[in-house]
Amino acid sequence: MTQESQLNRILAAALLVVCLIATLVGSRRPAAELARGGAPQGASRIEVVALEGPIGGLRRSSLVGLPTSPLEQLREAVDDSAVKAVLLRINSPGGAVGSSQELYRAVTALREAGKPVVAVLEDIATSGGYYVASAADKIYANPGTLTGSLGVLIRGLNFSKLLDTYGIEPQTFKTGEYKDMLSPFRPATPQERRLLQELVENTLDQFIRDVARGRQHLPEKGAEEVLDAEMIARRQSLDEVRLRQLADGRLFTGAQAVELGLVDALGGYTEAVEDLRRMTGDPSLSPATRDPFQRALRRLLSQGLPPAGQSFWLGQLLGDEEAGGIPELPLLWMAPAWTLR
């Protein structure tokens, strides 16, 4: 048993003791008590997932390895029977290519599982942020939202002239001709420039293909309830040819994006919730985000109890009659340095 595993088990035991004391001293929560965000624990709900800041790899708590990334939230929502739909709030300038693609696939998986997704673009949702949104069933934006910036870049610095000024001569030992591409110690060769340009062009092709596929795909259920004829026509016109014309890095306001078909309508959180209720056919659904305490407890319990024990104690301590076992949570590596910005 590793030292980290031993520490996690001790923490789990300590947390259980604290919770048991609190349960004995305090009164038990009513079964209908609302969870943080509005929906009762264990009840059907609209999961709210926030994608904020630059898109990168999975962030984990150094204490208990608790996953906090939007990617993990989206993946958990696929298998969570209480989650009937997802509201994805995006406020991101973009980021790493691989991580943006992971999020795009996670949103697509929700749709394929029959769980509608509506994206709300907030202050900014550009490049990789828009890439993720394009997989949703419907996209809302505010009139002043900044979006677009469709494109790919890879960049580096060249300090060779500065080093020459101070008489500094770098030494590099490498196993292949291109192993030190984008080295700051020398200018790029013509061959390297060609290879790097081919790399970003190939990535742009993937970007355009995925966005076109996402926008032209209409919701499986309730499309007529949330998309009018004009919205559908704009989406269907946004094919790869049209997207390539727009993929020159320019920015658009939310109002401009609606006219171009990049966004379906102007609106935000309230409109998205109403659409998700229509698409699921359940007007009683409420938006909620799983309590961070519950997520932490699930992770801690996984260190020292079998699945049956996890379910029992979660039900006792959290009042969650439907608490289930804890699935394995995958660890993602950080994506390469080129970005969708």
Protein backbone atom coordinates (compact mmCIF):
# COMPACT_ATOMS: atom_id res chain seq x y z
CA MET A 1 0.00 0.00 0.00
CA THR A 2 1.44 3.38 -0.98
CA GLN A 3 1.87 6.25 1.43
CA GLU A 4 -0.71 8.28 -0.52
CA SER A 5 -3.26 5.45 -0.31
CA GLN A 6 -2.70 5.15 3.46
CA LEU A 7 -3.20 8.91 3.88
CA ASN A 8 -6.41 8.83 1.87
CA ARG A 9 -7.80 5.99 3.98
CA ILE A 10 -6.99 7.86 7.19
CA LEU A 11 -8.69 10.97 5.81
CA ALA A 12 -11.70 8.90 4.77
CA ALA A 13 -12.00 7.40 8.24
CA ALA A 14 -11.64 10.82 9.90
CA LEU A 15 -14.27 12.31 7.64
CA LEU A 16 -16.66 9.45 8.38
CA VAL A 17 -16.26 10.02 12.13
CA VAL A 18 -16.94 13.75 11.77
CA CYS A 19 -20.01 13.08 9.63
CA LEU A 20 -21.36 10.49 12.07
CA ILE A 21 -20.99 12.92 14.97
CA ALA A 22 -22.72 15.64 12.98
CA THR A 23 -25.52 13.22 12.11
CA LEU A 24 -26.06 12.29 15.76
CA VAL A 25 -25.92 15.85 17.09
CA GLY A 26 -27.83 17.61 14.32
CA SER A 27 -31.23 16.85 12.93
CA ARG A 28 -31.46 14.78 9.78
CA ARG A 29 -32.16 16.69 6.56
CA PRO A 30 -35.68 16.34 5.14
CA ALA A 31 -35.73 14.08 2.12
CA ALA A 32 -37.06 16.89 -0.06
CA GLU A 33 -34.37 19.39 0.91
CA LEU A 34 -33.04 21.14 -2.13
CA ALA A 35 -29.43 20.53 -3.13
CA ARG A 36 -27.15 23.40 -3.98
CA GLY A 37 -28.44 24.75 -7.27
CA GLY A 38 -32.13 23.93 -6.72
CA ALA A 39 -32.84 20.24 -7.41
CA PRO A 40 -33.45 17.65 -4.66
CA GLN A 41 -30.61 15.19 -4.04
CA GLY A 42 -31.14 12.07 -6.14
CA ALA A 43 -33.96 13.68 -8.15
CA SER A 44 -34.01 14.15 -11.90
CA ARG A 45 -32.18 17.33 -12.78
CA ILE A 46 -30.48 19.49 -15.36
CA GLU A 47 -26.74 19.24 -14.68
CA VAL A 48 -24.97 22.60 -14.91
CA VAL A 49 -21.36 22.37 -16.10
CA ALA A 50 -19.14 25.47 -16.28
CA LEU A 51 -16.20 25.63 -18.68
CA GLU A 52 -14.16 28.62 -17.58
CA GLY A 53 -10.72 29.90 -18.47
CA PRO A 54 -8.13 28.38 -20.82
CA ILE A 55 -8.81 24.79 -21.83
CA GLY A 56 -6.12 22.40 -20.66
CA GLY A 57 -5.66 19.05 -18.95
CA LEU A 58 -7.45 17.50 -15.99
CA ARG A 59 -6.87 19.28 -12.68
CA ARG A 60 -6.77 17.04 -9.63
CA SER A 61 -6.81 17.85 -5.95
CA SER A 62 -3.41 17.06 -4.44
CA LEU A 63 -5.18 15.95 -1.24
CA VAL A 64 -7.61 13.28 -2.46
CA GLY A 65 -7.20 13.21 -6.23
CA LEU A 66 -10.69 14.69 -6.67
CA PRO A 67 -11.48 15.39 -10.32
CA THR A 68 -12.71 18.95 -10.79
CA SER A 69 -12.61 19.36 -14.57
CA PRO A 70 -15.66 19.98 -16.78
CA LEU A 71 -14.58 16.91 -18.78
CA GLU A 72 -15.10 14.62 -15.78
CA GLN A 73 -18.42 16.27 -14.97
CA LEU A 74 -19.65 15.68 -18.52
CA ARG A 75 -18.47 12.07 -18.49
CA GLU A 76 -20.14 11.38 -15.15
CA ALA A 77 -23.39 12.92 -16.43
CA VAL A 78 -23.58 10.31 -19.21
CA ASP A 79 -23.94 7.47 -16.69
CA ASP A 80 -25.84 9.37 -13.98
CA SER A 81 -29.50 8.31 -14.29
CA ALA A 82 -30.62 11.43 -12.40
CA VAL A 83 -29.15 13.72 -15.06
CA LYS A 84 -31.72 14.19 -17.82
CA ALA A 85 -30.06 17.13 -19.59
CA VAL A 86 -26.98 19.36 -19.38
CA LEU A 87 -26.62 23.13 -19.45
CA LEU A 88 -23.05 23.97 -20.50
CA ARG A 89 -21.89 27.46 -19.54
CA ILE A 90 -18.80 28.53 -21.49
CA ASN A 91 -16.54 31.46 -20.67
CA SER A 92 -13.26 30.45 -22.30
CA PRO A 93 -10.81 31.89 -24.85
CA GLY A 94 -9.87 28.39 -26.04
CA GLY A 95 -6.76 26.42 -25.33
CA ALA A 96 -5.09 23.10 -26.04
CA VAL A 97 -6.22 21.17 -29.10
CA GLY A 98 -6.44 17.70 -27.58
CA SER A 99 -8.37 18.84 -24.51
CA SER A 100 -10.85 20.80 -26.66
CA GLN A 101 -11.46 17.66 -28.71
CA GLU A 102 -11.98 15.58 -25.55
CA LEU A 103 -14.65 18.02 -24.38
CA TYR A 104 -16.31 18.03 -27.81
CA ARG A 105 -16.53 14.22 -27.72
CA ALA A 106 -17.90 14.29 -24.16
CA VAL A 107 -20.73 16.61 -25.24
CA THR A 108 -21.39 14.38 -28.26
CA ALA A 109 -21.56 11.33 -25.98
CA LEU A 110 -24.28 13.02 -23.92
CA ARG A 111 -26.34 13.66 -27.02
CA GLU A 112 -25.89 10.07 -28.16
CA ALA A 113 -27.08 8.93 -24.72
CA GLY A 114 -30.32 10.82 -25.27
CA LYS A 115 -29.44 13.67 -22.90
CA PRO A 116 -29.87 17.06 -24.61
CA VAL A 117 -27.19 19.72 -24.17
CA VAL A 118 -27.65 23.48 -24.51
CA ALA A 119 -24.56 25.71 -24.47
CA VAL A 120 -24.61 29.28 -23.18
CA LEU A 121 -21.74 31.48 -24.35
CA GLU A 122 -21.00 34.10 -21.72
CA ASP A 123 -18.35 36.85 -21.94
CA ILE A 124 -16.07 35.00 -24.32
CA ALA A 125 -16.25 31.66 -26.10
CA THR A 126 -13.65 31.67 -28.82
CA SER A 127 -11.79 29.04 -30.79
CA GLY A 128 -11.55 25.95 -28.55
CA GLY A 129 -14.39 27.32 -26.40
CA TYR A 130 -16.60 27.57 -29.47
CA TYR A 131 -15.33 24.18 -30.70
CA VAL A 132 -16.84 22.57 -27.58
CA ALA A 133 -20.11 24.53 -27.88
CA SER A 134 -20.61 23.42 -31.49
CA ALA A 135 -21.36 19.87 -30.28
CA ALA A 136 -24.40 21.06 -28.29
CA ASP A 137 -28.00 20.73 -29.45
CA LYS A 138 -28.46 24.48 -29.26
CA ILE A 139 -26.22 27.48 -28.61
CA TYR A 140 -27.20 30.74 -26.90
CA ALA A 141 -25.08 33.88 -26.62
CA ASN A 142 -25.47 37.41 -25.35
CA PRO A 143 -25.43 40.17 -28.00
CA GLY A 144 -22.02 41.33 -26.77
CA THR A 145 -20.46 37.89 -26.30
CA LEU A 146 -17.15 37.52 -28.11
CA THR A 147 -16.93 34.33 -30.11
CA GLY A 148 -15.34 33.02 -33.30
CA SER A 149 -11.55 33.24 -33.59
CA LEU A 150 -11.75 29.98 -35.51
CA GLY A 151 -8.23 28.86 -36.26
CA VAL A 152 -5.05 27.24 -34.99
CA LEU A 153 -1.65 28.61 -34.11
CA ILE A 154 1.70 27.39 -32.90
CA ARG A 155 4.37 29.85 -31.93
CA GLY A 156 7.79 30.22 -30.39
CA LEU A 157 10.52 32.79 -29.73
CA ASN A 158 13.91 33.23 -31.39
CA PHE A 159 16.63 34.57 -29.08
CA SER A 160 19.54 33.80 -31.41
CA LYS A 161 20.49 37.46 -32.09
CA LEU A 162 20.37 38.27 -28.39
CA LEU A 163 22.63 35.31 -27.62
CA ASP A 164 25.07 36.41 -30.33
CA THR A 165 25.24 39.87 -28.74
CA TYR A 166 26.40 38.40 -25.43
CA GLY A 167 28.59 35.73 -26.96
CA ILE A 168 26.45 32.83 -25.81
CA GLU A 169 26.58 29.70 -27.98
CA PRO A 170 23.97 27.03 -27.21
CA GLN A 171 24.77 23.36 -27.66
CA THR A 172 22.09 20.84 -28.63
CA PHE A 173 22.37 17.06 -28.98
CA LYS A 174 19.41 15.46 -30.73
CA THR A 175 18.33 12.17 -32.24
CA GLY A 176 16.61 13.52 -35.32
CA GLU A 177 16.74 16.47 -37.68
CA TYR A 178 13.49 17.97 -36.40
CA LYS A 179 13.73 17.09 -32.72
CA ASP A 180 14.44 20.69 -31.65
CA MET A 181 11.91 22.45 -33.85
CA LEU A 182 10.86 25.83 -32.40
CA SER A 183 14.08 26.02 -30.42
CA PRO A 184 14.49 29.59 -29.09
CA PHE A 185 18.23 29.37 -29.77
CA ARG A 186 18.04 29.50 -33.58
CA PRO A 187 15.70 30.51 -36.41
CA ALA A 188 13.46 27.86 -37.96
CA THR A 189 14.66 26.30 -41.20
CA PRO A 190 12.49 26.39 -44.35
CA GLN A 191 11.80 22.65 -43.94
CA GLU A 192 10.68 23.19 -40.34
CA ARG A 193 8.41 26.06 -41.36
CA ARG A 194 6.79 23.80 -43.96
CA LEU A 195 6.24 20.98 -41.48
CA LEU A 196 4.78 23.28 -38.82
CA GLN A 197 2.44 24.90 -41.32
CA GLU A 198 1.24 21.47 -42.43
CA LEU A 199 0.63 20.61 -38.78
CA VAL A 200 -1.59 23.64 -38.10
CA GLU A 201 -3.44 23.17 -41.41
CA ASN A 202 -4.19 19.55 -40.54
CA THR A 203 -5.47 20.60 -37.13
CA LEU A 204 -7.64 23.27 -38.72
CA ASP A 205 -9.16 20.62 -41.01
CA GLN A 206 -10.15 18.61 -37.92
CA PHE A 207 -11.57 21.74 -36.29
CA ILE A 208 -13.70 22.67 -39.30
CA ARG A 209 -14.93 19.11 -39.83
CA ASP A 210 -16.07 18.72 -36.23
CA VAL A 211 -17.76 22.12 -36.00
CA ALA A 212 -19.63 21.52 -39.27
CA ARG A 213 -20.76 18.09 -38.06
CA GLY A 214 -21.93 19.53 -34.75
CA ARG A 215 -23.85 22.46 -36.23
CA GLN A 216 -25.56 20.48 -38.98
CA HIS A 217 -26.70 17.77 -36.58
CA LEU A 218 -30.17 18.61 -35.24
CA PRO A 219 -31.47 17.46 -31.84
CA GLU A 220 -32.81 13.91 -31.83
CA LYS A 221 -35.75 14.91 -29.63
CA GLY A 222 -37.68 18.16 -29.48
CA ALA A 223 -35.92 19.94 -32.35
CA GLU A 224 -39.19 21.50 -33.45
CA GLU A 225 -39.71 22.75 -29.89
CA VAL A 226 -36.48 24.74 -29.64
CA LEU A 227 -35.36 25.49 -33.22
CA ASP A 228 -37.42 27.46 -35.71
CA ALA A 229 -37.14 27.17 -39.49
CA GLU A 230 -34.73 30.11 -39.75
CA MET A 231 -32.36 28.63 -37.17
CA ILE A 232 -32.36 25.28 -38.93
CA ALA A 233 -31.67 26.88 -42.32
CA ARG A 234 -28.71 28.84 -40.92
CA ARG A 235 -27.28 25.71 -39.33
CA GLN A 236 -27.62 23.63 -42.48
CA SER A 237 -25.84 26.32 -44.51
CA LEU A 238 -22.83 26.15 -42.18
CA ASP A 239 -20.97 23.43 -44.06
CA GLU A 240 -17.19 22.96 -44.25
CA VAL A 241 -16.86 25.32 -47.22
CA ARG A 242 -18.63 28.14 -45.39
CA LEU A 243 -16.76 27.49 -42.15
CA ARG A 244 -13.42 27.65 -43.92
CA GLN A 245 -14.34 31.13 -45.12
CA LEU A 246 -14.99 32.16 -41.51
CA ALA A 247 -11.94 30.38 -40.07
CA ASP A 248 -9.47 33.22 -40.53
CA GLY A 249 -9.18 34.05 -36.84
CA ARG A 250 -11.63 36.97 -36.78
CA LEU A 251 -13.88 37.66 -33.79
CA PHE A 252 -17.67 38.00 -33.87
CA THR A 253 -20.15 39.43 -31.41
CA GLY A 254 -23.00 37.20 -30.30
CA ALA A 255 -25.37 39.16 -32.55
CA GLN A 256 -23.10 38.66 -35.57
CA ALA A 257 -22.66 34.97 -34.75
CA VAL A 258 -26.44 34.45 -34.85
CA GLU A 259 -26.62 35.90 -38.37
CA LEU A 260 -23.78 33.63 -39.49
CA GLY A 261 -25.32 30.49 -37.99
CA LEU A 262 -22.52 29.99 -35.46
CA VAL A 263 -25.03 30.66 -32.66
CA ASP A 264 -28.73 29.76 -32.70
CA ALA A 265 -30.26 32.57 -30.67
CA LEU A 266 -29.62 35.42 -28.27
CA GLY A 267 -30.30 34.49 -24.67
CA GLY A 268 -28.76 32.88 -21.65
CA TYR A 269 -29.32 30.69 -18.62
CA THR A 270 -33.10 31.14 -18.29
CA GLU A 271 -33.80 30.43 -21.96
CA ALA A 272 -31.49 27.40 -21.92
CA VAL A 273 -33.31 25.89 -18.93
CA GLU A 274 -36.69 26.33 -20.61
CA ASP A 275 -35.40 24.71 -23.81
CA LEU A 276 -34.02 21.72 -21.93
CA ARG A 277 -37.36 21.24 -20.20
CA ARG A 278 -39.09 21.24 -23.60
CA MET A 279 -36.57 18.83 -25.11
CA THR A 280 -36.93 16.35 -22.25
CA GLY A 281 -40.68 16.83 -21.98
CA ASP A 282 -40.32 17.40 -18.22
CA PRO A 283 -41.36 20.92 -17.13
CA SER A 284 -40.42 20.13 -13.52
CA LEU A 285 -36.67 19.73 -14.15
CA SER A 286 -34.46 22.10 -12.15
CA PRO A 287 -30.82 23.01 -12.77
CA ALA A 288 -28.28 21.85 -10.22
CA THR A 289 -24.60 21.12 -9.76
CA ARG A 290 -23.52 18.16 -7.65
CA ASP A 291 -22.44 19.27 -4.20
CA PRO A 292 -18.59 19.44 -4.06
CA PHE A 293 -18.75 17.90 -0.57
CA GLN A 294 -20.58 14.88 -1.95
CA ARG A 295 -18.01 14.50 -4.74
CA ALA A 296 -15.16 14.68 -2.21
CA LEU A 297 -16.81 12.14 0.06
CA ARG A 298 -17.36 9.73 -2.82
CA ARG A 299 -13.68 9.95 -3.72
CA LEU A 300 -12.54 9.44 -0.12
CA LEU A 301 -14.84 6.49 0.43
CA SER A 302 -13.42 4.80 -2.65
CA GLN A 303 -10.08 4.52 -0.84
CA GLY A 304 -11.29 2.21 1.91
CA LEU A 305 -14.70 0.69 1.28
CA PRO A 306 -16.14 -1.81 -1.20
CA PRO A 307 -18.93 -0.55 -3.51
CA ALA A 308 -21.69 -1.89 -1.24
CA GLY A 309 -20.22 -0.03 1.73
CA GLN A 310 -19.85 3.14 -0.31
CA SER A 311 -23.54 3.06 -1.25
CA PHE A 312 -24.64 2.44 2.34
CA TRP A 313 -22.63 5.25 3.91
CA LEU A 314 -23.41 7.74 1.16
CA GLY A 315 -27.10 7.01 1.66
CA GLN A 316 -26.80 7.41 5.44
CA LEU A 317 -24.61 10.52 5.48
CA LEU A 318 -26.01 12.38 2.47
CA GLY A 319 -29.63 11.31 2.51
CA ASP A 320 -29.15 10.00 -1.03
CA GLU A 321 -31.15 6.82 -1.44
CA GLU A 322 -29.77 6.29 -4.95
CA ALA A 323 -26.09 6.63 -4.11
CA GLY A 324 -24.15 4.15 -6.18
CA GLY A 325 -20.62 2.82 -6.48
CA ILE A 326 -17.74 5.03 -7.45
CA PRO A 327 -16.49 4.53 -11.01
CA GLU A 328 -12.86 4.68 -11.95
CA LEU A 329 -11.90 8.19 -12.98
CA PRO A 330 -9.47 8.44 -15.90
CA LEU A 331 -6.44 10.66 -15.74
CA LEU A 332 -5.70 12.77 -18.81
CA TRP A 333 -2.30 14.08 -19.80
CA MET A 334 -1.85 17.72 -20.72
CA ALA A 335 -2.29 18.36 -24.43
CA PRO A 336 0.51 19.68 -26.70
CA ALA A 337 1.53 23.31 -26.77
CA TRP A 338 -0.30 24.46 -29.91
CA THR A 339 -3.60 26.13 -29.14
CA LEU A 340 -6.99 26.97 -30.52
CA ARG A 341 -7.05 30.71 -29.90
